[in-house]
Each structure stands twice: as structure tokens, then as C-alpha cells.
N, C-alpha and C. Protein backbone atom coordinates (compact mmCIF):
# COMPACT_ATOMS: atom_id res chain seq x y z
N MET A 1 -9.59 32.12 -9.85
CA MET A 1 -8.33 31.40 -9.92
C MET A 1 -8.38 30.15 -9.04
N PHE A 2 -8.87 30.33 -7.81
CA PHE A 2 -8.96 29.19 -6.89
C PHE A 2 -9.91 28.12 -7.44
N ARG A 3 -10.99 28.55 -8.06
CA ARG A 3 -11.95 27.60 -8.63
C ARG A 3 -11.32 26.78 -9.75
N LEU A 4 -10.46 27.44 -10.56
CA LEU A 4 -9.80 26.71 -11.63
C LEU A 4 -8.85 25.65 -11.08
N LEU A 5 -8.12 25.99 -10.04
CA LEU A 5 -7.24 25.00 -9.41
C LEU A 5 -8.02 23.85 -8.81
N LEU A 6 -9.12 24.16 -8.17
CA LEU A 6 -9.96 23.13 -7.58
C LEU A 6 -10.55 22.23 -8.66
N LEU A 7 -11.01 22.83 -9.75
CA LEU A 7 -11.56 22.06 -10.86
C LEU A 7 -10.48 21.18 -11.48
N GLY A 8 -9.26 21.72 -11.63
CA GLY A 8 -8.15 20.94 -12.18
C GLY A 8 -7.81 19.75 -11.31
N ALA A 9 -7.80 19.95 -10.00
CA ALA A 9 -7.51 18.85 -9.08
C ALA A 9 -8.58 17.78 -9.17
N ALA A 10 -9.82 18.18 -9.30
CA ALA A 10 -10.91 17.22 -9.39
C ALA A 10 -10.84 16.42 -10.69
N ILE A 11 -10.44 17.08 -11.75
CA ILE A 11 -10.40 16.41 -13.06
C ILE A 11 -9.21 15.46 -13.16
N PHE A 12 -8.05 15.85 -12.63
CA PHE A 12 -6.81 15.10 -12.84
C PHE A 12 -6.49 14.07 -11.78
N GLY A 13 -7.42 13.38 -11.23
CA GLY A 13 -7.00 12.22 -10.49
C GLY A 13 -7.54 12.00 -9.11
N VAL A 14 -8.72 12.41 -8.80
CA VAL A 14 -9.27 12.03 -7.53
C VAL A 14 -9.86 10.64 -7.72
N VAL A 15 -9.21 9.68 -7.12
CA VAL A 15 -9.65 8.30 -7.22
C VAL A 15 -9.82 7.79 -5.80
N ASP A 16 -11.05 7.57 -5.41
CA ASP A 16 -11.34 7.09 -4.06
C ASP A 16 -10.75 8.02 -3.00
N GLY A 17 -10.78 9.30 -3.30
CA GLY A 17 -10.29 10.29 -2.35
C GLY A 17 -8.77 10.34 -2.23
N THR A 18 -8.05 9.74 -3.20
CA THR A 18 -6.60 9.69 -3.16
C THR A 18 -6.04 10.18 -4.48
N PHE A 19 -5.04 11.06 -4.41
CA PHE A 19 -4.34 11.46 -5.62
C PHE A 19 -3.27 10.41 -5.88
N LEU A 20 -3.13 9.98 -7.12
CA LEU A 20 -2.16 8.94 -7.44
C LEU A 20 -1.16 9.43 -8.47
N ILE A 21 0.09 9.07 -8.28
CA ILE A 21 1.14 9.28 -9.27
C ILE A 21 1.59 7.89 -9.66
N ARG A 22 1.41 7.51 -10.91
CA ARG A 22 1.66 6.14 -11.32
C ARG A 22 2.96 6.00 -12.12
N PRO A 23 3.96 5.26 -11.58
CA PRO A 23 5.12 4.91 -12.39
C PRO A 23 4.76 3.77 -13.33
N ALA A 24 5.61 3.50 -14.28
CA ALA A 24 5.36 2.42 -15.23
C ALA A 24 5.37 1.08 -14.51
N PRO A 25 4.50 0.13 -14.93
CA PRO A 25 4.50 -1.19 -14.31
C PRO A 25 5.83 -1.89 -14.54
N THR A 26 6.23 -2.71 -13.58
CA THR A 26 7.53 -3.36 -13.69
C THR A 26 7.48 -4.64 -14.50
N CYS A 27 6.32 -5.19 -14.74
CA CYS A 27 6.22 -6.43 -15.52
C CYS A 27 5.19 -6.23 -16.63
N GLN A 28 5.61 -6.41 -17.86
CA GLN A 28 4.74 -6.17 -19.01
C GLN A 28 3.79 -7.34 -19.23
N PRO A 29 2.70 -7.12 -19.98
CA PRO A 29 1.70 -8.18 -20.20
C PRO A 29 2.24 -9.41 -20.92
N ALA A 30 3.38 -9.33 -21.61
CA ALA A 30 3.93 -10.48 -22.32
C ALA A 30 4.32 -11.60 -21.35
N CYS A 31 4.61 -11.27 -20.12
CA CYS A 31 5.00 -12.27 -19.12
C CYS A 31 3.77 -12.73 -18.34
N ASN A 32 3.82 -13.96 -17.88
CA ASN A 32 2.77 -14.48 -17.01
C ASN A 32 3.10 -14.06 -15.58
N ILE A 33 2.44 -13.03 -15.09
CA ILE A 33 2.75 -12.52 -13.75
C ILE A 33 2.25 -13.44 -12.65
N TYR A 34 1.43 -14.42 -13.01
CA TYR A 34 0.88 -15.34 -12.00
C TYR A 34 1.75 -16.58 -11.83
N GLN A 35 2.85 -16.67 -12.56
CA GLN A 35 3.76 -17.80 -12.46
C GLN A 35 4.85 -17.44 -11.44
N PRO A 36 4.76 -17.95 -10.22
CA PRO A 36 5.73 -17.55 -9.20
C PRO A 36 7.03 -18.38 -9.25
N GLN A 37 8.06 -17.79 -9.82
CA GLN A 37 9.42 -18.34 -9.77
C GLN A 37 10.30 -17.18 -9.36
N LEU A 38 10.36 -16.89 -8.08
CA LEU A 38 11.02 -15.68 -7.61
C LEU A 38 12.47 -15.58 -8.07
N VAL A 39 12.82 -14.38 -8.53
CA VAL A 39 14.19 -14.04 -8.90
C VAL A 39 14.61 -12.94 -7.93
N TRP A 40 15.72 -13.14 -7.24
CA TRP A 40 16.19 -12.17 -6.25
C TRP A 40 17.22 -11.27 -6.90
N VAL A 41 17.01 -9.97 -6.82
CA VAL A 41 17.91 -9.00 -7.44
C VAL A 41 18.19 -7.86 -6.47
N LEU A 42 19.28 -7.15 -6.74
CA LEU A 42 19.58 -5.92 -6.03
C LEU A 42 19.23 -4.77 -6.97
N GLU A 43 18.35 -3.90 -6.51
CA GLU A 43 17.94 -2.73 -7.27
C GLU A 43 18.46 -1.51 -6.52
N ASP A 44 19.52 -0.91 -7.03
CA ASP A 44 20.17 0.23 -6.36
C ASP A 44 20.57 -0.15 -4.93
N CYS A 45 21.18 -1.31 -4.78
CA CYS A 45 21.68 -1.84 -3.49
C CYS A 45 20.57 -2.12 -2.48
N VAL A 46 19.37 -2.40 -2.96
CA VAL A 46 18.25 -2.77 -2.08
C VAL A 46 17.68 -4.09 -2.60
N CYS A 47 17.44 -5.02 -1.70
CA CYS A 47 16.91 -6.34 -2.06
C CYS A 47 15.50 -6.24 -2.62
N ARG A 48 15.25 -7.00 -3.69
CA ARG A 48 13.90 -7.02 -4.27
C ARG A 48 13.64 -8.36 -4.95
N PRO A 49 12.58 -9.06 -4.56
CA PRO A 49 12.19 -10.25 -5.31
C PRO A 49 11.33 -9.84 -6.51
N ILE A 50 11.55 -10.49 -7.64
CA ILE A 50 10.74 -10.25 -8.84
C ILE A 50 10.03 -11.56 -9.16
N GLN A 51 8.82 -11.48 -9.66
CA GLN A 51 7.91 -12.63 -9.80
C GLN A 51 8.51 -13.80 -10.57
N ASN A 52 9.16 -13.55 -11.71
CA ASN A 52 9.74 -14.64 -12.49
C ASN A 52 10.84 -14.10 -13.40
N PRO A 53 11.61 -14.97 -14.05
CA PRO A 53 12.72 -14.51 -14.90
C PRO A 53 12.28 -13.59 -16.04
N CYS A 54 11.12 -13.83 -16.62
CA CYS A 54 10.63 -12.99 -17.71
C CYS A 54 10.43 -11.56 -17.22
N CYS A 55 9.78 -11.40 -16.10
CA CYS A 55 9.57 -10.06 -15.53
C CYS A 55 10.90 -9.40 -15.16
N ALA A 56 11.85 -10.20 -14.66
CA ALA A 56 13.16 -9.65 -14.29
C ALA A 56 13.90 -9.15 -15.53
N ASP A 57 13.83 -9.91 -16.63
CA ASP A 57 14.49 -9.48 -17.86
C ASP A 57 13.87 -8.20 -18.40
N GLN A 58 12.54 -8.11 -18.38
CA GLN A 58 11.88 -6.91 -18.88
C GLN A 58 12.18 -5.70 -18.00
N GLU A 59 12.18 -5.89 -16.69
CA GLU A 59 12.49 -4.80 -15.78
C GLU A 59 13.93 -4.32 -15.98
N ASN A 60 14.85 -5.26 -16.14
CA ASN A 60 16.24 -4.91 -16.35
C ASN A 60 16.42 -4.14 -17.66
N LEU A 61 15.77 -4.59 -18.72
CA LEU A 61 15.86 -3.92 -20.01
C LEU A 61 15.30 -2.50 -19.95
N SER A 62 14.17 -2.33 -19.27
CA SER A 62 13.58 -0.99 -19.17
C SER A 62 14.45 -0.06 -18.32
N ARG A 63 15.12 -0.59 -17.30
CA ARG A 63 16.03 0.23 -16.48
C ARG A 63 17.23 0.67 -17.30
N ILE A 64 17.79 -0.22 -18.09
CA ILE A 64 18.94 0.12 -18.90
C ILE A 64 18.56 1.17 -19.95
N ARG A 65 17.39 1.00 -20.58
CA ARG A 65 16.94 1.98 -21.59
C ARG A 65 16.70 3.36 -20.99
N SER A 66 16.27 3.41 -19.74
CA SER A 66 16.01 4.71 -19.11
C SER A 66 17.24 5.31 -18.44
N GLY A 67 18.39 4.65 -18.58
CA GLY A 67 19.63 5.20 -18.05
C GLY A 67 19.89 4.88 -16.59
N LYS A 68 19.14 3.97 -16.01
CA LYS A 68 19.35 3.57 -14.62
C LYS A 68 20.34 2.41 -14.57
N THR A 69 20.79 2.10 -13.36
CA THR A 69 21.71 0.98 -13.20
C THR A 69 20.97 -0.34 -13.42
N PRO A 70 21.63 -1.34 -13.99
CA PRO A 70 20.95 -2.62 -14.21
C PRO A 70 20.72 -3.35 -12.89
N LEU A 71 19.79 -4.29 -12.92
CA LEU A 71 19.53 -5.14 -11.76
C LEU A 71 20.66 -6.16 -11.62
N VAL A 72 21.01 -6.48 -10.39
CA VAL A 72 22.08 -7.45 -10.14
C VAL A 72 21.44 -8.71 -9.55
N PRO A 73 21.42 -9.82 -10.31
CA PRO A 73 20.84 -11.05 -9.76
C PRO A 73 21.74 -11.64 -8.67
N VAL A 74 21.12 -12.02 -7.56
CA VAL A 74 21.84 -12.60 -6.43
C VAL A 74 21.00 -13.74 -5.84
N THR A 75 21.56 -14.44 -4.89
CA THR A 75 20.81 -15.48 -4.20
C THR A 75 19.89 -14.84 -3.15
N GLU A 76 18.92 -15.59 -2.72
CA GLU A 76 17.99 -15.08 -1.70
C GLU A 76 18.74 -14.76 -0.41
N TYR A 77 19.66 -15.61 -0.04
CA TYR A 77 20.41 -15.42 1.20
C TYR A 77 21.21 -14.12 1.16
N LEU A 78 21.91 -13.87 0.06
CA LEU A 78 22.69 -12.64 -0.08
C LEU A 78 21.77 -11.42 -0.16
N CYS A 79 20.67 -11.56 -0.87
CA CYS A 79 19.73 -10.45 -1.03
C CYS A 79 19.18 -10.00 0.31
N ARG A 80 18.87 -10.94 1.17
CA ARG A 80 18.28 -10.58 2.47
C ARG A 80 19.22 -9.75 3.34
N SER A 81 20.51 -9.81 3.08
CA SER A 81 21.44 -8.97 3.84
C SER A 81 21.40 -7.51 3.37
N PHE A 82 20.71 -7.25 2.24
CA PHE A 82 20.57 -5.89 1.73
C PHE A 82 19.19 -5.30 2.01
N ILE A 83 18.43 -5.90 2.92
CA ILE A 83 17.14 -5.32 3.32
C ILE A 83 17.44 -4.18 4.28
N ARG A 84 16.84 -3.05 4.04
CA ARG A 84 17.08 -1.89 4.91
C ARG A 84 16.55 -2.17 6.32
N LYS A 85 17.34 -1.82 7.31
CA LYS A 85 16.91 -2.00 8.69
C LYS A 85 16.05 -0.82 9.14
N LYS A 86 16.37 0.37 8.64
CA LYS A 86 15.57 1.56 8.96
C LYS A 86 15.06 2.14 7.65
N CYS A 87 13.78 2.43 7.62
CA CYS A 87 13.16 2.98 6.41
C CYS A 87 13.22 4.50 6.42
N ARG A 88 13.50 5.06 5.25
CA ARG A 88 13.49 6.51 5.12
C ARG A 88 12.04 6.97 4.98
N ARG A 89 11.81 8.23 5.27
CA ARG A 89 10.47 8.77 5.10
C ARG A 89 10.20 8.98 3.62
N GLY A 90 8.94 8.96 3.28
CA GLY A 90 8.56 9.17 1.89
C GLY A 90 7.05 9.15 1.75
N LEU A 91 6.62 9.26 0.52
CA LEU A 91 5.19 9.24 0.23
C LEU A 91 4.63 7.83 0.40
N PRO A 92 3.38 7.72 0.80
CA PRO A 92 2.75 6.40 0.88
C PRO A 92 2.62 5.78 -0.52
N VAL A 93 2.61 4.47 -0.58
CA VAL A 93 2.48 3.77 -1.85
C VAL A 93 1.39 2.70 -1.77
N ILE A 94 0.84 2.39 -2.92
CA ILE A 94 -0.09 1.27 -3.08
C ILE A 94 0.57 0.31 -4.06
N ALA A 95 0.75 -0.95 -3.67
CA ALA A 95 1.43 -1.94 -4.50
C ALA A 95 0.46 -3.03 -4.93
N LYS A 96 0.74 -3.61 -6.09
CA LYS A 96 -0.07 -4.72 -6.61
C LYS A 96 0.73 -6.01 -6.53
N PHE A 97 0.15 -6.99 -5.83
CA PHE A 97 0.78 -8.29 -5.64
C PHE A 97 -0.04 -9.33 -6.40
N PRO A 98 0.55 -10.04 -7.37
CA PRO A 98 -0.20 -11.08 -8.10
C PRO A 98 -0.28 -12.37 -7.29
N LYS A 99 -1.43 -13.00 -7.33
CA LYS A 99 -1.63 -14.29 -6.66
C LYS A 99 -2.08 -15.29 -7.72
N PRO A 100 -1.47 -16.48 -7.76
CA PRO A 100 -1.86 -17.49 -8.75
C PRO A 100 -3.30 -17.95 -8.53
N PRO A 101 -3.93 -18.50 -9.56
CA PRO A 101 -5.31 -18.97 -9.40
C PRO A 101 -5.39 -20.10 -8.38
N ALA A 102 -6.53 -20.19 -7.72
CA ALA A 102 -6.72 -21.20 -6.67
C ALA A 102 -6.66 -22.62 -7.22
N CYS A 103 -7.06 -22.79 -8.50
CA CYS A 103 -7.06 -24.13 -9.09
C CYS A 103 -5.66 -24.63 -9.42
N GLY A 104 -4.69 -23.74 -9.46
CA GLY A 104 -3.33 -24.13 -9.81
C GLY A 104 -3.09 -24.22 -11.31
N CYS A 105 -4.06 -23.77 -12.10
CA CYS A 105 -3.94 -23.82 -13.56
C CYS A 105 -2.94 -22.77 -14.04
N LYS A 106 -2.05 -23.16 -14.96
CA LYS A 106 -1.01 -22.24 -15.41
C LYS A 106 -1.53 -21.20 -16.41
N ASN A 107 -2.55 -21.54 -17.19
CA ASN A 107 -3.00 -20.62 -18.23
C ASN A 107 -4.13 -19.70 -17.80
N LYS A 108 -4.64 -19.88 -16.59
CA LYS A 108 -5.72 -19.02 -16.12
C LYS A 108 -5.16 -17.87 -15.30
N PRO A 109 -5.78 -16.69 -15.42
CA PRO A 109 -5.29 -15.56 -14.61
C PRO A 109 -5.67 -15.71 -13.15
N GLY A 110 -4.82 -15.22 -12.30
CA GLY A 110 -5.09 -15.24 -10.88
C GLY A 110 -5.74 -13.93 -10.46
N THR A 111 -5.43 -13.48 -9.27
CA THR A 111 -5.98 -12.22 -8.78
C THR A 111 -4.84 -11.26 -8.43
N ILE A 112 -5.18 -9.99 -8.42
CA ILE A 112 -4.23 -8.95 -8.02
C ILE A 112 -4.71 -8.38 -6.69
N ILE A 113 -3.84 -8.40 -5.71
CA ILE A 113 -4.17 -7.86 -4.39
C ILE A 113 -3.42 -6.55 -4.21
N GLU A 114 -4.14 -5.49 -3.86
CA GLU A 114 -3.52 -4.20 -3.61
C GLU A 114 -3.30 -4.02 -2.12
N ARG A 115 -2.09 -3.59 -1.76
CA ARG A 115 -1.76 -3.33 -0.36
C ARG A 115 -1.17 -1.93 -0.26
N LYS A 116 -1.46 -1.28 0.87
CA LYS A 116 -0.96 0.08 1.10
C LYS A 116 0.18 0.04 2.10
N PHE A 117 1.19 0.89 1.84
CA PHE A 117 2.36 0.98 2.70
C PHE A 117 2.67 2.44 2.99
N ALA A 118 3.35 2.68 4.09
CA ALA A 118 3.66 4.05 4.50
C ALA A 118 4.67 4.71 3.56
N ASN A 119 5.56 3.91 2.94
CA ASN A 119 6.53 4.45 1.99
C ASN A 119 7.12 3.32 1.17
N LEU A 120 7.95 3.67 0.18
CA LEU A 120 8.52 2.68 -0.73
C LEU A 120 9.48 1.73 0.00
N ASP A 121 10.24 2.23 0.96
CA ASP A 121 11.15 1.36 1.70
C ASP A 121 10.38 0.29 2.48
N GLU A 122 9.25 0.67 3.03
CA GLU A 122 8.43 -0.29 3.77
C GLU A 122 7.88 -1.37 2.82
N LEU A 123 7.49 -0.97 1.62
CA LEU A 123 7.03 -1.93 0.61
C LEU A 123 8.15 -2.91 0.27
N ARG A 124 9.33 -2.40 0.00
CA ARG A 124 10.45 -3.27 -0.36
C ARG A 124 10.82 -4.22 0.77
N LYS A 125 10.77 -3.72 2.00
CA LYS A 125 11.08 -4.56 3.16
C LYS A 125 10.04 -5.67 3.31
N TYR A 126 8.77 -5.32 3.21
CA TYR A 126 7.70 -6.31 3.30
C TYR A 126 7.84 -7.36 2.21
N SER A 127 8.09 -6.91 0.99
CA SER A 127 8.20 -7.81 -0.15
C SER A 127 9.33 -8.82 0.04
N ALA A 128 10.48 -8.36 0.49
CA ALA A 128 11.62 -9.25 0.66
C ALA A 128 11.46 -10.19 1.85
N LEU A 129 10.96 -9.68 2.96
CA LEU A 129 10.81 -10.52 4.15
C LEU A 129 9.74 -11.59 3.99
N ASN A 130 8.69 -11.28 3.22
CA ASN A 130 7.57 -12.23 3.06
C ASN A 130 7.62 -13.00 1.75
N ARG A 131 8.70 -12.82 0.98
CA ARG A 131 8.88 -13.52 -0.29
C ARG A 131 7.69 -13.32 -1.22
N GLU A 132 7.22 -12.08 -1.32
CA GLU A 132 6.12 -11.72 -2.21
C GLU A 132 6.59 -10.64 -3.16
N ALA A 133 6.51 -10.91 -4.44
CA ALA A 133 6.92 -9.94 -5.45
C ALA A 133 5.74 -9.05 -5.82
N TYR A 134 6.01 -7.77 -6.00
CA TYR A 134 4.97 -6.86 -6.47
C TYR A 134 5.23 -6.55 -7.94
N THR A 135 4.15 -6.35 -8.70
CA THR A 135 4.31 -6.08 -10.12
C THR A 135 4.38 -4.59 -10.41
N SER A 136 3.73 -3.77 -9.61
CA SER A 136 3.78 -2.32 -9.80
C SER A 136 3.37 -1.64 -8.51
N PHE A 137 3.66 -0.34 -8.45
CA PHE A 137 3.25 0.44 -7.29
C PHE A 137 2.95 1.85 -7.76
N SER A 138 2.22 2.59 -6.95
CA SER A 138 1.93 3.98 -7.26
C SER A 138 2.04 4.78 -5.97
N TYR A 139 2.53 6.01 -6.11
CA TYR A 139 2.66 6.90 -4.96
C TYR A 139 1.32 7.56 -4.69
N CYS A 140 1.03 7.80 -3.42
CA CYS A 140 -0.18 8.51 -3.01
C CYS A 140 0.24 9.83 -2.37
N LEU A 141 -0.51 10.87 -2.61
CA LEU A 141 -0.22 12.14 -1.97
C LEU A 141 -0.96 12.28 -0.65
N ILE A 142 -1.89 11.38 -0.39
CA ILE A 142 -2.63 11.37 0.87
C ILE A 142 -2.31 10.04 1.55
N PRO A 143 -1.96 10.03 2.84
CA PRO A 143 -1.59 8.78 3.51
C PRO A 143 -2.72 7.75 3.48
N PRO A 144 -2.36 6.46 3.50
CA PRO A 144 -3.38 5.42 3.52
C PRO A 144 -4.23 5.49 4.79
N ARG A 145 -5.49 5.08 4.65
CA ARG A 145 -6.42 5.14 5.78
C ARG A 145 -6.22 3.98 6.75
N LYS A 146 -5.82 2.83 6.23
CA LYS A 146 -5.63 1.66 7.09
C LYS A 146 -4.33 1.80 7.87
N LYS A 147 -4.24 1.07 8.97
CA LYS A 147 -3.00 1.13 9.75
C LYS A 147 -1.87 0.45 9.00
N ARG A 148 -0.66 0.83 9.35
CA ARG A 148 0.51 0.33 8.64
C ARG A 148 0.70 -1.17 8.87
N LEU A 149 1.18 -1.84 7.84
CA LEU A 149 1.39 -3.27 7.92
C LEU A 149 2.71 -3.63 8.61
N LEU A 150 3.70 -2.77 8.46
CA LEU A 150 5.02 -3.09 8.95
C LEU A 150 5.66 -1.82 9.47
N SER A 151 6.23 -1.85 10.62
CA SER A 151 6.85 -0.63 11.14
C SER A 151 8.34 -0.70 10.91
N CYS A 152 8.90 0.41 10.49
CA CYS A 152 10.34 0.47 10.21
C CYS A 152 11.03 1.33 11.24
């Protein structure tokens, strides 16, 4: 019995020594995720920058279809007042941040940088304070090996 559980764990998701639970990406391939035109929204009363209006529209549509509350577009100044001062505990996350190409070309893909955070609140706080939008994130069942980027 124990061997079957161990075999199942090995088959279903050991990636670099980390178990991952992947939510759906927030920006679909139809949008250019490398075009930075930040849109500031409130997602369940928490500030969040989204990469561009196309990604914001798609994220809002997917939230409405899944029965969640819609995103509320606000100004950056108002959004920053909704950044959590204290982060709740939670599972560690790995987020993907798109970076435009170095040449500045609009039609060429840029790079995706993955960063690890102690929890989702820490990711949201980092994203809002540093004006960097993330396109997707995944929960980890094992804490990140690197030291935390931001303390809450």
C-alpha cells in the first residue's frame, strides 16, 4: 500500500523536487503579455496590477464565468491603499512575470521570469509595490529553497 502511494506521488508531479498545484493562467495566449500597459484592479478587495487591458478583460471574463466577483478597475493611487499590510499564512507560490524583449520590438516575445514567494499575499504585495504584473502562479506544497523576497 505504501509503495503504491509513493509511486503515485512520483508519477503525479515531482518537478525539481517540488509538488505543484497549477491554477489556470490569468492571461490567455491571444493577448500580448509582453506589452506593458498596467491596468490596476481590485481583486476581492486586494490591489493587483494586470499586464494590459486585453489580459484584464480576459481575466474578468473568466472570473465572471466561474462565478467569482468581477474585477474592479481603479487608479494606481487608489489601488495602493488596498495593499495588505500584514500577510496571511499560506502555501508558497511560484509566479511568472513577463519581461518585454531587450530590443523593444513589439512583435517579438520577451522572457518569462519565475519568482518564488512565501505565500499568495506576499506575491500580491510585491507585484503592487514594484509595479510588476504576473501572468500566472502555482502553489507549492514544499516551501521555496531561496530566502524570501519580501517580509510581511
